[in-house]
Amino acid sequence: MLRAAEPVSATASPARARLSFTGFLWAFAAAAVLVAGVLSYAASSHPDGLDATTQRGCTTVEVDGGEELRGECIAQSAEEHRFAGSPLADYTIDGNSDLAGLAGIVGVAAAFAVLFAVVRTIRIGRSGTRAAARADDAAVRSDAEPE
């Protein structure tokens, strides 16, 4: 025989504790740092799909300590971007590929700094809008009260 389910009280505590948004961000940041710091050493040094596609039809030749593309391919028209000489270019620190994990962690930290700034700006904007709305409501109420 089937029984009816017992009603759940609105004040009953959930069986599992809820993770706050800040706690979630800290956990996500820790996972991102772990992935960037550890798994970056396992990344392939061979070209990814986009690079491989643009280099079809060309061969890479070592010339004067650098590399040159020979043949006909899309990659021959590619130019270095303006940040190519920066300290964190090419997922390294000053060209040292042994520091790829540290470069990944610095990248994650920079991304979270931007995220924090955007979220903070949005929260400040919302709280300012709410405060202004409350002040307007209070002014309307005081104008509506008979003297």
Foldseek 3Di string as FASTA:
>chain_A
DDDDDDDDDPPDDDPDDDQDPVNVVVVVLVVQLCCLQPVQVVDDPDDDPVVVQQLPQWDWDDDPNRIDTDGDGNCNPDDDDPCCCPQCHPQHGRPDVVCSSVSSNVVSVVVVVVVVVVVVVVVVVVVVVVVVVVVVVVVVVVVPDDD
